[in-house]
């Protein structure tokens, strides 16, 4: 009996931990102009880590006038490189 109670408590705790992040993260919003359309890609190379690559891709997307961007590839041989789709 005690084992069954412990199993039920464990399942309840596990289920609640999976549901918590969904409440914390805000839902994505669509800009007032309507849905975003892909308009091209940007690429970056020579990054030392993923954060650096993300920053380089974000900067290039911003320079192109993108409202949003999404990384679609990342590679690492010695230095990181990657590409992102930009949206307007």
N, C-alpha and C. Protein backbone atom coordinates (compact mmCIF):
# COMPACT_ATOMS: atom_id res chain seq x y z
N UNK A 1 0.82 -1.18 0.00
CA UNK A 1 0.00 0.00 0.00
C UNK A 1 0.87 1.25 0.00
N UNK A 2 1.87 1.26 0.87
CA UNK A 2 2.74 2.42 0.96
C UNK A 2 3.48 2.63 -0.36
N UNK A 3 3.87 1.54 -0.99
CA UNK A 3 4.58 1.64 -2.27
C UNK A 3 3.68 2.26 -3.34
N UNK A 4 2.41 1.90 -3.35
CA UNK A 4 1.46 2.47 -4.32
C UNK A 4 1.31 3.98 -4.12
N UNK A 5 1.27 4.41 -2.88
CA UNK A 5 1.15 5.84 -2.58
C UNK A 5 2.40 6.57 -3.08
N UNK A 6 3.57 6.01 -2.84
CA UNK A 6 4.80 6.63 -3.30
C UNK A 6 4.86 6.72 -4.83
N UNK A 7 4.40 5.69 -5.50
CA UNK A 7 4.37 5.69 -6.96
C UNK A 7 3.44 6.78 -7.46
N UNK A 8 2.26 6.91 -6.86
CA UNK A 8 1.31 7.95 -7.27
C UNK A 8 1.86 9.35 -7.03
N UNK A 9 2.52 9.55 -5.91
CA UNK A 9 3.12 10.86 -5.61
C UNK A 9 4.21 11.17 -6.63
N UNK A 10 5.04 10.20 -6.96
CA UNK A 10 6.10 10.39 -7.94
C UNK A 10 5.53 10.75 -9.30
N UNK A 11 4.49 10.08 -9.72
CA UNK A 11 3.86 10.37 -11.01
C UNK A 11 3.26 11.77 -11.01
N UNK A 12 2.62 12.16 -9.92
CA UNK A 12 2.02 13.50 -9.83
C UNK A 12 3.09 14.58 -9.89
N UNK A 13 4.20 14.38 -9.19
CA UNK A 13 5.28 15.36 -9.22
C UNK A 13 5.91 15.45 -10.61
N UNK A 14 6.10 14.33 -11.25
CA UNK A 14 6.69 14.33 -12.60
C UNK A 14 5.77 15.03 -13.58
N UNK A 15 4.49 14.77 -13.50
CA UNK A 15 3.53 15.41 -14.41
C UNK A 15 3.49 16.91 -14.19
N UNK A 16 3.53 17.35 -12.95
CA UNK A 16 3.47 18.79 -12.68
C UNK A 16 4.74 19.49 -13.13
N UNK A 17 5.88 18.82 -13.08
CA UNK A 17 7.12 19.45 -13.52
C UNK A 17 7.16 19.62 -15.03
N UNK A 18 6.47 18.75 -15.77
CA UNK A 18 6.42 18.89 -17.22
C UNK A 18 5.45 19.99 -17.64
N UNK A 19 4.44 20.25 -16.84
CA UNK A 19 3.45 21.26 -17.18
C UNK A 19 3.90 22.66 -16.81
N UNK A 20 4.77 22.82 -15.86
CA UNK A 20 5.17 24.13 -15.37
C UNK A 20 5.82 25.01 -16.43
N UNK A 21 6.77 24.53 -17.24
CA UNK A 21 7.40 25.42 -18.21
C UNK A 21 6.43 26.03 -19.21
N UNK A 22 5.36 25.36 -19.55
CA UNK A 22 4.40 25.91 -20.51
C UNK A 22 3.72 27.15 -19.95
N UNK A 23 3.54 27.22 -18.65
CA UNK A 23 2.91 28.38 -18.05
C UNK A 23 3.89 29.53 -17.90
N UNK A 24 5.16 29.25 -17.80
CA UNK A 24 6.17 30.28 -17.59
C UNK A 24 6.49 31.00 -18.89
N UNK A 25 6.62 30.27 -19.98
CA UNK A 25 7.00 30.87 -21.25
C UNK A 25 5.83 31.59 -21.89
N UNK A 26 6.05 32.84 -22.36
CA UNK A 26 4.96 33.54 -23.05
C UNK A 26 4.71 32.92 -24.42
N UNK A 27 3.48 32.99 -24.86
CA UNK A 27 3.17 32.44 -26.18
C UNK A 27 3.63 33.42 -27.25
N UNK A 28 4.08 32.92 -28.39
CA UNK A 28 4.52 33.81 -29.46
C UNK A 28 3.33 34.59 -30.01
N UNK A 29 3.60 35.82 -30.43
CA UNK A 29 2.54 36.66 -30.97
C UNK A 29 2.81 36.95 -32.43
N UNK A 30 1.75 37.15 -33.18
CA UNK A 30 1.85 37.51 -34.59
C UNK A 30 1.77 39.03 -34.67
N UNK A 31 2.69 39.67 -35.38
CA UNK A 31 2.65 41.12 -35.49
C UNK A 31 1.33 41.59 -36.11
N UNK A 32 1.01 42.85 -35.90
CA UNK A 32 -0.24 43.40 -36.41
C UNK A 32 -0.32 43.34 -37.92
N UNK A 33 0.80 43.29 -38.60
CA UNK A 33 0.80 43.28 -40.06
C UNK A 33 0.39 41.93 -40.63
N UNK A 34 0.20 40.93 -39.79
CA UNK A 34 -0.20 39.61 -40.25
C UNK A 34 0.91 38.60 -40.08
N UNK A 35 0.73 37.43 -40.68
CA UNK A 35 1.74 36.38 -40.54
C UNK A 35 3.07 36.77 -41.20
N UNK A 36 4.13 36.25 -40.64
CA UNK A 36 5.46 36.53 -41.19
C UNK A 36 5.72 35.69 -42.42
N UNK A 37 6.48 36.26 -43.35
CA UNK A 37 6.85 35.55 -44.58
C UNK A 37 8.37 35.43 -44.64
N UNK A 38 8.89 34.25 -45.01
CA UNK A 38 10.34 34.12 -45.18
C UNK A 38 10.78 34.94 -46.38
N UNK A 39 11.86 35.71 -46.21
CA UNK A 39 12.34 36.57 -47.30
C UNK A 39 13.78 36.28 -47.69
N UNK A 40 14.44 35.37 -47.01
CA UNK A 40 15.82 35.05 -47.37
C UNK A 40 16.54 34.36 -46.24
N UNK A 41 17.86 34.30 -46.38
CA UNK A 41 18.68 33.67 -45.36
C UNK A 41 19.89 34.55 -45.06
N UNK A 42 20.46 34.34 -43.91
CA UNK A 42 21.73 34.97 -43.54
C UNK A 42 22.64 33.85 -43.05
N UNK A 43 23.93 34.08 -43.14
CA UNK A 43 24.89 33.08 -42.65
C UNK A 43 25.98 33.78 -41.86
N UNK A 44 26.60 33.03 -40.99
CA UNK A 44 27.69 33.55 -40.18
C UNK A 44 28.68 32.42 -39.94
N UNK A 45 29.94 32.80 -39.73
CA UNK A 45 30.97 31.80 -39.45
C UNK A 45 32.00 32.40 -38.51
N UNK A 46 32.86 31.55 -37.98
CA UNK A 46 33.93 32.00 -37.10
C UNK A 46 33.50 32.19 -35.66
N UNK A 47 32.34 31.67 -35.28
CA UNK A 47 31.86 31.81 -33.91
C UNK A 47 32.55 30.79 -33.01
N UNK A 48 32.82 31.19 -31.77
CA UNK A 48 33.50 30.29 -30.85
C UNK A 48 32.55 29.37 -30.09
N UNK A 49 31.25 29.75 -30.01
CA UNK A 49 30.26 28.91 -29.33
C UNK A 49 28.87 29.23 -29.89
N UNK A 50 27.85 28.52 -29.41
CA UNK A 50 26.49 28.71 -29.93
C UNK A 50 25.95 30.11 -29.64
N UNK A 51 26.25 30.65 -28.47
CA UNK A 51 25.77 32.00 -28.15
C UNK A 51 26.37 33.03 -29.10
N UNK A 52 27.66 32.88 -29.40
CA UNK A 52 28.33 33.78 -30.33
C UNK A 52 27.73 33.66 -31.73
N UNK A 53 27.47 32.44 -32.17
CA UNK A 53 26.85 32.22 -33.48
C UNK A 53 25.47 32.85 -33.53
N UNK A 54 24.69 32.66 -32.48
CA UNK A 54 23.35 33.24 -32.43
C UNK A 54 23.42 34.76 -32.49
N UNK A 55 24.35 35.36 -31.79
CA UNK A 55 24.50 36.82 -31.81
C UNK A 55 24.88 37.31 -33.20
N UNK A 56 25.79 36.60 -33.87
CA UNK A 56 26.19 37.00 -35.22
C UNK A 56 25.03 36.90 -36.20
N UNK A 57 24.27 35.81 -36.11
CA UNK A 57 23.12 35.65 -37.01
C UNK A 57 22.05 36.71 -36.71
N UNK A 58 21.83 37.02 -35.45
CA UNK A 58 20.85 38.04 -35.09
C UNK A 58 21.26 39.40 -35.63
N UNK A 59 22.54 39.73 -35.54
CA UNK A 59 23.03 41.00 -36.06
C UNK A 59 22.82 41.10 -37.56
N UNK A 60 23.15 40.05 -38.28
CA UNK A 60 22.97 40.05 -39.74
C UNK A 60 21.49 40.13 -40.12
N UNK A 61 20.64 39.42 -39.38
CA UNK A 61 19.20 39.48 -39.65
C UNK A 61 18.68 40.89 -39.42
N UNK A 62 19.14 41.53 -38.36
CA UNK A 62 18.73 42.90 -38.06
C UNK A 62 19.18 43.86 -39.16
N UNK A 63 20.40 43.67 -39.66
CA UNK A 63 20.91 44.52 -40.75
C UNK A 63 20.08 44.37 -42.02
N UNK A 64 19.49 43.19 -42.22
CA UNK A 64 18.65 42.95 -43.40
C UNK A 64 17.22 43.44 -43.18
N UNK A 65 16.91 43.95 -42.00
CA UNK A 65 15.58 44.46 -41.71
C UNK A 65 14.58 43.40 -41.32
N UNK A 66 15.05 42.26 -40.86
CA UNK A 66 14.15 41.16 -40.50
C UNK A 66 13.41 41.47 -39.20
N UNK A 67 12.16 41.03 -39.14
CA UNK A 67 11.37 41.13 -37.92
C UNK A 67 11.69 39.95 -37.01
N UNK A 68 11.91 38.79 -37.63
CA UNK A 68 12.22 37.57 -36.88
C UNK A 68 13.18 36.72 -37.69
N UNK A 69 13.81 35.78 -37.03
CA UNK A 69 14.73 34.87 -37.72
C UNK A 69 14.72 33.55 -36.97
N UNK A 70 15.13 32.49 -37.69
CA UNK A 70 15.15 31.14 -37.11
C UNK A 70 16.38 30.42 -37.62
N UNK A 71 17.21 29.93 -36.73
CA UNK A 71 18.40 29.17 -37.12
C UNK A 71 17.96 27.84 -37.71
N UNK A 72 18.44 27.54 -38.92
CA UNK A 72 18.07 26.27 -39.54
C UNK A 72 19.27 25.35 -39.71
N UNK A 73 20.50 25.83 -39.47
CA UNK A 73 21.65 24.93 -39.47
C UNK A 73 22.77 25.53 -38.64
N UNK A 74 23.53 24.65 -38.02
CA UNK A 74 24.72 25.04 -37.26
C UNK A 74 25.73 23.91 -37.37
N UNK A 75 26.97 24.27 -37.68
CA UNK A 75 28.04 23.29 -37.85
C UNK A 75 29.23 23.69 -37.00
N UNK A 76 30.01 22.70 -36.60
CA UNK A 76 31.20 22.99 -35.82
C UNK A 76 32.32 22.06 -36.25
N UNK A 77 33.30 22.61 -36.93
CA UNK A 77 34.51 21.87 -37.23
C UNK A 77 35.56 22.33 -36.22
N UNK A 78 36.07 23.53 -36.40
CA UNK A 78 36.95 24.15 -35.43
C UNK A 78 36.23 25.36 -34.84
N UNK A 79 35.67 26.17 -35.72
CA UNK A 79 34.83 27.30 -35.33
C UNK A 79 33.42 27.01 -35.82
N UNK A 80 32.45 27.62 -35.20
CA UNK A 80 31.05 27.36 -35.56
C UNK A 80 30.61 28.22 -36.73
N UNK A 81 29.72 27.67 -37.53
CA UNK A 81 29.09 28.41 -38.62
C UNK A 81 27.64 27.98 -38.69
N UNK A 82 26.81 28.81 -39.31
CA UNK A 82 25.41 28.45 -39.41
C UNK A 82 24.65 29.39 -40.31
N UNK A 83 23.41 29.03 -40.57
CA UNK A 83 22.52 29.86 -41.38
C UNK A 83 21.19 30.03 -40.65
N UNK A 84 20.48 31.08 -41.01
CA UNK A 84 19.17 31.35 -40.43
C UNK A 84 18.24 31.87 -41.51
N UNK A 85 16.98 31.51 -41.42
CA UNK A 85 15.95 32.04 -42.31
C UNK A 85 15.45 33.33 -41.67
N UNK A 86 15.32 34.39 -42.48
CA UNK A 86 14.82 35.65 -41.95
C UNK A 86 13.39 35.87 -42.43
N UNK A 87 12.61 36.54 -41.59
CA UNK A 87 11.19 36.78 -41.87
C UNK A 87 10.88 38.27 -41.76
N UNK A 88 9.96 38.71 -42.62
CA UNK A 88 9.46 40.09 -42.55
C UNK A 88 7.96 40.06 -42.57
